[in-house]
Every structure is written in C-alpha cells, then in structure tokens.
PDB file of N, CA and C in Angstrom:
ATOM      1  N   UNK A   1       0.846  -1.182   0.000  1.00  0.00           N
ATOM      2  CA  UNK A   1       0.000   0.000   0.000  1.00  0.00           C
ATOM      3  C   UNK A   1       0.891   1.245   0.000  1.00  0.00           C
ATOM      4  N   UNK A   2       0.584   2.187  -0.867  1.00  0.00           N
ATOM      5  CA  UNK A   2       1.358   3.414  -0.955  1.00  0.00           C
ATOM      6  C   UNK A   2       0.978   4.361   0.171  1.00  0.00           C
ATOM      7  N   UNK A   3       1.964   5.016   0.693  1.00  0.00           N
ATOM      8  CA  UNK A   3       1.752   5.987   1.754  1.00  0.00           C
ATOM      9  C   UNK A   3       1.471   7.340   1.115  1.00  0.00           C
ATOM     10  N   UNK A   4       0.309   7.916   1.396  1.00  0.00           N
ATOM     11  CA  UNK A   4      -0.094   9.174   0.779  1.00  0.00           C
ATOM     12  C   UNK A   4       0.611  10.354   1.433  1.00  0.00           C
ATOM     13  N   UNK A   5       0.683  10.347   2.746  1.00  0.00           N
ATOM     14  CA  UNK A   5       1.286  11.459   3.485  1.00  0.00           C
ATOM     15  C   UNK A   5       2.639  11.010   4.024  1.00  0.00           C
ATOM     16  N   UNK A   6       3.706  11.722   3.682  1.00  0.00           N
ATOM     17  CA  UNK A   6       5.026  11.322   4.193  1.00  0.00           C
ATOM     18  C   UNK A   6       5.162  11.612   5.684  1.00  0.00           C
ATOM     19  N   UNK A   7       6.101  10.920   6.294  1.00  0.00           N
ATOM     20  CA  UNK A   7       6.400  11.187   7.698  1.00  0.00           C
ATOM     21  C   UNK A   7       6.919  12.606   7.845  1.00  0.00           C
ATOM     22  N   UNK A   8       6.575  13.265   8.955  1.00  0.00           N
ATOM     23  CA  UNK A   8       7.109  14.615   9.143  1.00  0.00           C
ATOM     24  C   UNK A   8       8.622  14.564   9.311  1.00  0.00           C
ATOM     25  N   UNK A   9       9.307  15.576   8.824  1.00  0.00           N
ATOM     26  CA  UNK A   9      10.766  15.578   8.965  1.00  0.00           C
ATOM     27  C   UNK A   9      11.178  15.716  10.426  1.00  0.00           C
ATOM     28  N   UNK A  10      12.306  15.146  10.742  1.00  0.00           N
ATOM     29  CA  UNK A  10      12.827  15.194  12.104  1.00  0.00           C
ATOM     30  C   UNK A  10      14.103  16.023  12.089  1.00  0.00           C
ATOM     31  N   UNK A  11      14.158  17.029  12.932  1.00  0.00           N
ATOM     32  CA  UNK A  11      15.283  17.960  12.930  1.00  0.00           C
ATOM     33  C   UNK A  11      16.004  17.935  14.278  1.00  0.00           C
ATOM     34  N   UNK A  12      16.791  16.906  14.541  1.00  0.00           N
ATOM     35  CA  UNK A  12      17.416  16.799  15.861  1.00  0.00           C
ATOM     36  C   UNK A  12      18.544  17.790  16.107  1.00  0.00           C
ATOM     37  N   UNK A  13      19.184  18.290  15.072  1.00  0.00           N
ATOM     38  CA  UNK A  13      20.357  19.137  15.258  1.00  0.00           C
ATOM     39  C   UNK A  13      20.079  20.627  15.058  1.00  0.00           C
ATOM     40  N   UNK A  14      18.832  21.000  14.821  1.00  0.00           N
ATOM     41  CA  UNK A  14      18.523  22.411  14.603  1.00  0.00           C
ATOM     42  C   UNK A  14      18.271  23.117  15.931  1.00  0.00           C
ATOM     43  N   UNK A  15      18.675  24.373  15.971  1.00  0.00           N
ATOM     44  CA  UNK A  15      18.436  25.174  17.173  1.00  0.00           C
ATOM     45  C   UNK A  15      16.973  25.594  17.226  1.00  0.00           C
ATOM     46  N   UNK A  16      16.547  26.029  18.397  1.00  0.00           N
ATOM     47  CA  UNK A  16      15.182  26.523  18.568  1.00  0.00           C
ATOM     48  C   UNK A  16      14.940  27.704  17.633  1.00  0.00           C
ATOM     49  N   UNK A  17      15.916  28.573  17.505  1.00  0.00           N
ATOM     50  CA  UNK A  17      15.784  29.730  16.628  1.00  0.00           C
ATOM     51  C   UNK A  17      15.561  29.294  15.174  1.00  0.00           C
ATOM     52  N   UNK A  18      16.337  28.320  14.714  1.00  0.00           N
ATOM     53  CA  UNK A  18      16.175  27.819  13.344  1.00  0.00           C
ATOM     54  C   UNK A  18      14.798  27.199  13.136  1.00  0.00           C
ATOM     55  N   UNK A  19      14.328  26.450  14.123  1.00  0.00           N
ATOM     56  CA  UNK A  19      13.004  25.833  14.023  1.00  0.00           C
ATOM     57  C   UNK A  19      11.901  26.886  13.977  1.00  0.00           C
ATOM     58  N   UNK A  20      12.041  27.946  14.763  1.00  0.00           N
ATOM     59  CA  UNK A  20      11.041  29.018  14.750  1.00  0.00           C
ATOM     60  C   UNK A  20      11.053  29.765  13.416  1.00  0.00           C
ATOM     61  N   UNK A  21      12.220  29.998  12.865  1.00  0.00           N
ATOM     62  CA  UNK A  21      12.315  30.661  11.561  1.00  0.00           C
ATOM     63  C   UNK A  21      11.656  29.796  10.494  1.00  0.00           C
ATOM     64  N   UNK A  22      11.943  28.513  10.515  1.00  0.00           N
ATOM     65  CA  UNK A  22      11.350  27.616   9.524  1.00  0.00           C
ATOM     66  C   UNK A  22       9.831  27.533   9.695  1.00  0.00           C
ATOM     67  N   UNK A  23       9.363  27.482  10.927  1.00  0.00           N
ATOM     68  CA  UNK A  23       7.926  27.461  11.187  1.00  0.00           C
ATOM     69  C   UNK A  23       7.271  28.741  10.690  1.00  0.00           C
ATOM     70  N   UNK A  24       7.922  29.864  10.908  1.00  0.00           N
ATOM     71  CA  UNK A  24       7.411  31.143  10.426  1.00  0.00           C
ATOM     72  C   UNK A  24       7.294  31.138   8.905  1.00  0.00           C
ATOM     73  N   UNK A  25       8.276  30.574   8.232  1.00  0.00           N
ATOM     74  CA  UNK A  25       8.234  30.495   6.771  1.00  0.00           C
ATOM     75  C   UNK A  25       7.079  29.619   6.293  1.00  0.00           C
ATOM     76  N   UNK A  26       6.838  28.501   6.966  1.00  0.00           N
ATOM     77  CA  UNK A  26       5.699  27.644   6.614  1.00  0.00           C
ATOM     78  C   UNK A  26       4.379  28.382   6.822  1.00  0.00           C
ATOM     79  N   UNK A  27       4.291  29.137   7.897  1.00  0.00           N
ATOM     80  CA  UNK A  27       3.060  29.878   8.160  1.00  0.00           C
ATOM     81  C   UNK A  27       2.822  30.976   7.129  1.00  0.00           C
ATOM     82  N   UNK A  28       3.875  31.621   6.675  1.00  0.00           N
ATOM     83  CA  UNK A  28       3.732  32.631   5.621  1.00  0.00           C
ATOM     84  C   UNK A  28       3.214  31.979   4.345  1.00  0.00           C
ATOM     85  N   UNK A  29       3.739  30.805   4.008  1.00  0.00           N
ATOM     86  CA  UNK A  29       3.258  30.107   2.814  1.00  0.00           C
ATOM     87  C   UNK A  29       1.802  29.678   2.983  1.00  0.00           C
ATOM     88  N   UNK A  30       1.436  29.181   4.148  1.00  0.00           N
ATOM     89  CA  UNK A  30       0.048  28.786   4.394  1.00  0.00           C
ATOM     90  C   UNK A  30      -0.880  29.993   4.313  1.00  0.00           C
ATOM     91  N   UNK A  31      -0.423  31.123   4.813  1.00  0.00           N
ATOM     92  CA  UNK A  31      -1.192  32.361   4.749  1.00  0.00           C
ATOM     93  C   UNK A  31      -1.407  32.788   3.294  1.00  0.00           C
ATOM     94  N   UNK A  32      -0.401  32.670   2.478  1.00  0.00           N
ATOM     95  CA  UNK A  32      -0.510  33.014   1.061  1.00  0.00           C
ATOM     96  C   UNK A  32      -1.514  32.107   0.354  1.00  0.00           C
ATOM     97  N   UNK A  33      -1.473  30.822   0.658  1.00  0.00           N
ATOM     98  CA  UNK A  33      -2.406  29.869   0.061  1.00  0.00           C
ATOM     99  C   UNK A  33      -3.838  30.194   0.492  1.00  0.00           C
ATOM    100  N   UNK A  34      -4.040  30.488   1.761  1.00  0.00           N
ATOM    101  CA  UNK A  34      -5.384  30.816   2.249  1.00  0.00           C
ATOM    102  C   UNK A  34      -5.905  32.098   1.607  1.00  0.00           C
ATOM    103  N   UNK A  35      -5.055  33.094   1.461  1.00  0.00           N
ATOM    104  CA  UNK A  35      -5.477  34.342   0.810  1.00  0.00           C
ATOM    105  C   UNK A  35      -5.844  34.099  -0.651  1.00  0.00           C
ATOM    106  N   UNK A  36      -5.085  33.271  -1.326  1.00  0.00           N
ATOM    107  CA  UNK A  36      -5.388  32.947  -2.721  1.00  0.00           C
ATOM    108  C   UNK A  36      -6.723  32.218  -2.812  1.00  0.00           C
ATOM    109  N   UNK A  37      -6.992  31.342  -1.867  1.00  0.00           N
ATOM    110  CA  UNK A  37      -8.264  30.622  -1.845  1.00  0.00           C
ATOM    111  C   UNK A  37      -9.446  31.572  -1.662  1.00  0.00           C
ATOM    112  N   UNK A  38      -9.280  32.596  -0.823  1.00  0.00           N
ATOM    113  CA  UNK A  38     -10.331  33.601  -0.628  1.00  0.00           C
ATOM    114  C   UNK A  38     -10.594  34.328  -1.945  1.00  0.00           C
ATOM    115  N   UNK A  39      -9.536  34.648  -2.679  1.00  0.00           N
ATOM    116  CA  UNK A  39      -9.706  35.339  -3.957  1.00  0.00           C
ATOM    117  C   UNK A  39     -10.383  34.457  -5.010  1.00  0.00           C
ATOM    118  N   UNK A  40     -10.119  33.158  -4.952  1.00  0.00           N
ATOM    119  CA  UNK A  40     -10.701  32.235  -5.924  1.00  0.00           C
ATOM    120  C   UNK A  40     -12.163  31.905  -5.634  1.00  0.00           C
ATOM    121  N   UNK A  41     -12.571  32.078  -4.384  1.00  0.00           N
ATOM    122  CA  UNK A  41     -13.946  31.771  -3.973  1.00  0.00           C
ATOM    123  C   UNK A  41     -14.557  33.009  -3.337  1.00  0.00           C
ATOM    124  N   UNK A  42     -15.011  33.959  -4.163  1.00  0.00           N
ATOM    125  CA  UNK A  42     -15.456  35.257  -3.640  1.00  0.00           C
ATOM    126  C   UNK A  42     -16.809  35.249  -2.921  1.00  0.00           C
ATOM    127  N   UNK A  43     -17.572  34.169  -3.028  1.00  0.00           N
ATOM    128  CA  UNK A  43     -18.880  34.139  -2.370  1.00  0.00           C
ATOM    129  C   UNK A  43     -18.710  33.827  -0.888  1.00  0.00           C
ATOM    130  N   UNK A  44     -19.473  34.518  -0.076  1.00  0.00           N
ATOM    131  CA  UNK A  44     -19.332  34.425   1.383  1.00  0.00           C
ATOM    132  C   UNK A  44     -19.406  32.997   1.937  1.00  0.00           C
ATOM    133  N   UNK A  45     -20.355  32.149   1.538  1.00  0.00           N
ATOM    134  CA  UNK A  45     -20.393  30.807   2.144  1.00  0.00           C
ATOM    135  C   UNK A  45     -19.128  29.987   1.888  1.00  0.00           C
ATOM    136  N   UNK A  46     -18.500  30.220   0.742  1.00  0.00           N
ATOM    137  CA  UNK A  46     -17.284  29.469   0.416  1.00  0.00           C
ATOM    138  C   UNK A  46     -16.061  29.974   1.175  1.00  0.00           C
ATOM    139  N   UNK A  47     -16.130  31.185   1.691  1.00  0.00           N
ATOM    140  CA  UNK A  47     -14.977  31.802   2.330  1.00  0.00           C
ATOM    141  C   UNK A  47     -14.896  31.593   3.839  1.00  0.00           C
ATOM    142  N   UNK A  48     -15.966  31.174   4.457  1.00  0.00           N
ATOM    143  CA  UNK A  48     -16.026  31.167   5.918  1.00  0.00           C
ATOM    144  C   UNK A  48     -14.881  30.358   6.539  1.00  0.00           C
ATOM    145  N   UNK A  49     -14.715  29.123   6.115  1.00  0.00           N
ATOM    146  CA  UNK A  49     -13.659  28.291   6.701  1.00  0.00           C
ATOM    147  C   UNK A  49     -12.269  28.787   6.332  1.00  0.00           C
ATOM    148  N   UNK A  50     -12.119  29.274   5.116  1.00  0.00           N
ATOM    149  CA  UNK A  50     -10.811  29.787   4.701  1.00  0.00           C
ATOM    150  C   UNK A  50     -10.448  31.034   5.489  1.00  0.00           C
ATOM    151  N   UNK A  51     -11.408  31.921   5.701  1.00  0.00           N
ATOM    152  CA  UNK A  51     -11.133  33.124   6.491  1.00  0.00           C
ATOM    153  C   UNK A  51     -10.817  32.769   7.940  1.00  0.00           C
ATOM    154  N   UNK A  52     -11.509  31.774   8.492  1.00  0.00           N
ATOM    155  CA  UNK A  52     -11.214  31.327   9.854  1.00  0.00           C
ATOM    156  C   UNK A  52      -9.811  30.734   9.923  1.00  0.00           C
ATOM    157  N   UNK A  53      -9.450  29.960   8.914  1.00  0.00           N
ATOM    158  CA  UNK A  53      -8.108  29.392   8.847  1.00  0.00           C
ATOM    159  C   UNK A  53      -7.058  30.485   8.739  1.00  0.00           C
ATOM    160  N   UNK A  54      -7.320  31.464   7.901  1.00  0.00           N
ATOM    161  CA  UNK A  54      -6.402  32.593   7.743  1.00  0.00           C
ATOM    162  C   UNK A  54      -6.208  33.333   9.057  1.00  0.00           C
ATOM    163  N   UNK A  55      -7.289  33.526   9.784  1.00  0.00           N
ATOM    164  CA  UNK A  55      -7.229  34.187  11.087  1.00  0.00           C
ATOM    165  C   UNK A  55      -6.326  33.410  12.054  1.00  0.00           C
ATOM    166  N   UNK A  56      -6.495  32.104  12.098  1.00  0.00           N
ATOM    167  CA  UNK A  56      -5.682  31.269  12.996  1.00  0.00           C
ATOM    168  C   UNK A  56      -4.218  31.254  12.566  1.00  0.00           C
ATOM    169  N   UNK A  57      -3.962  31.218  11.269  1.00  0.00           N
ATOM    170  CA  UNK A  57      -2.588  31.245  10.765  1.00  0.00           C
ATOM    171  C   UNK A  57      -1.909  32.551  11.168  1.00  0.00           C
ATOM    172  N   UNK A  58      -2.624  33.660  11.028  1.00  0.00           N
ATOM    173  CA  UNK A  58      -2.048  34.958  11.378  1.00  0.00           C
ATOM    174  C   UNK A  58      -1.701  35.036  12.869  1.00  0.00           C
ATOM    175  N   UNK A  59      -2.561  34.475  13.720  1.00  0.00           N
ATOM    176  CA  UNK A  59      -2.269  34.488  15.157  1.00  0.00           C
ATOM    177  C   UNK A  59      -1.102  33.555  15.490  1.00  0.00           C
ATOM    178  N   UNK A  60      -1.042  32.400  14.848  1.00  0.00           N
ATOM    179  CA  UNK A  60       0.075  31.479  15.083  1.00  0.00           C
ATOM    180  C   UNK A  60       1.383  32.114  14.623  1.00  0.00           C
ATOM    181  N   UNK A  61       1.350  32.788  13.487  1.00  0.00           N
ATOM    182  CA  UNK A  61       2.541  33.450  12.963  1.00  0.00           C
ATOM    183  C   UNK A  61       3.012  34.548  13.918  1.00  0.00           C
ATOM    184  N   UNK A  62       2.058  35.291  14.476  1.00  0.00           N
ATOM    185  CA  UNK A  62       2.414  36.345  15.435  1.00  0.00           C
ATOM    186  C   UNK A  62       3.076  35.748  16.677  1.00  0.00           C
ATOM    187  N   UNK A  63       2.564  34.624  17.157  1.00  0.00           N
ATOM    188  CA  UNK A  63       3.164  33.967  18.323  1.00  0.00           C
ATOM    189  C   UNK A  63       4.581  33.476  18.017  1.00  0.00           C
ATOM    190  N   UNK A  64       4.776  32.933  16.834  1.00  0.00           N
ATOM    191  CA  UNK A  64       6.113  32.474  16.443  1.00  0.00           C
ATOM    192  C   UNK A  64       7.072  33.657  16.378  1.00  0.00           C
ATOM    193  N   UNK A  65       6.617  34.770  15.849  1.00  0.00           N
ATOM    194  CA  UNK A  65       7.466  35.959  15.769  1.00  0.00           C
ATOM    195  C   UNK A  65       7.848  36.469  17.163  1.00  0.00           C
ATOM    196  N   UNK A  66       6.908  36.439  18.100  1.00  0.00           N
ATOM    197  CA  UNK A  66       7.205  36.858  19.473  1.00  0.00           C
ATOM    198  C   UNK A  66       8.230  35.901  20.093  1.00  0.00           C
ATOM    199  N   UNK A  67       8.014  34.597  19.907  1.00  0.00           N
ATOM    200  CA  UNK A  67       8.948  33.608  20.447  1.00  0.00           C
ATOM    201  C   UNK A  67      10.332  33.775  19.821  1.00  0.00           C
ATOM    202  N   UNK A  68      10.374  34.041  18.531  1.00  0.00           N
ATOM    203  CA  UNK A  68      11.649  34.225  17.850  1.00  0.00           C
ATOM    204  C   UNK A  68      12.372  35.457  18.369  1.00  0.00           C
ATOM    205  N   UNK A  69      11.638  36.528  18.614  1.00  0.00           N
ATOM    206  CA  UNK A  69      12.284  37.739  19.141  1.00  0.00           C
ATOM    207  C   UNK A  69      12.830  37.506  20.545  1.00  0.00           C
ATOM    208  N   UNK A  70      12.140  36.678  21.329  1.00  0.00           N
ATOM    209  CA  UNK A  70      12.644  36.362  22.682  1.00  0.00           C
ATOM    210  C   UNK A  70      13.901  35.506  22.611  1.00  0.00           C
ATOM    211  N   UNK A  71      13.936  34.566  21.685  1.00  0.00           N
ATOM    212  CA  UNK A  71      15.127  33.723  21.526  1.00  0.00           C
ATOM    213  C   UNK A  71      16.295  34.577  21.063  1.00  0.00           C
ATOM    214  N   UNK A  72      16.055  35.464  20.098  1.00  0.00           N
ATOM    215  CA  UNK A  72      17.134  36.302  19.574  1.00  0.00           C
ATOM    216  C   UNK A  72      17.635  37.307  20.598  1.00  0.00           C
ATOM    217  N   UNK A  73      16.762  37.781  21.483  1.00  0.00           N
ATOM    218  CA  UNK A  73      17.194  38.760  22.489  1.00  0.00           C
ATOM    219  C   UNK A  73      18.066  38.110  23.556  1.00  0.00           C
ATOM    220  N   UNK A  74      18.014  36.809  23.691  1.00  0.00           N
ATOM    221  CA  UNK A  74      18.843  36.107  24.670  1.00  0.00           C
ATOM    222  C   UNK A  74      20.283  35.950  24.201  1.00  0.00           C
ATOM    223  N   UNK A  75      20.507  36.075  22.906  1.00  0.00           N
ATOM    224  CA  UNK A  75      21.865  35.878  22.359  1.00  0.00           C
ATOM    225  C   UNK A  75      22.660  37.144  22.404  1.00  0.00           C
TER     226      UNK A  75
END
C-alpha cells in the first residue's frame, strides 16, 4: 500500500531559533495559500472556513514571531 502522506521531517540538530524561523516560513506560505483561496472563492459561504483558517494562521505566525524575538534577544 502506498503511503499518501510522508512522515514529518525530524530535525534533531537544529536550534530553537532555526526551528522558529522555519515554522514562520511555513506559516507565511500557508497564509498566502489561504489568501489565494479567498480570492478564488469570492462568495461568502465558500470563504467562511478559509477566512477562519487565515485568522488562525495569522495568530500562530504572530506567536512564532514573538517567540523568535525572545530567543534572539537572549543571544
């Protein structure tokens, strides 16, 4: 049987700062995809879940940025 979803990557040697930067980059890409989806589906019923997802992505990204600034201020 073929595996549809690959195993998540394991990063044992990366610093917390590197992991936060990479997570921030993933969130920016997810945010871009969600915004594009809103543009492709302009009717309100089709946008509800995408807008909710976009809202959560933006808050997660903000938290990562705060955590990253705290890690960087310690160095």
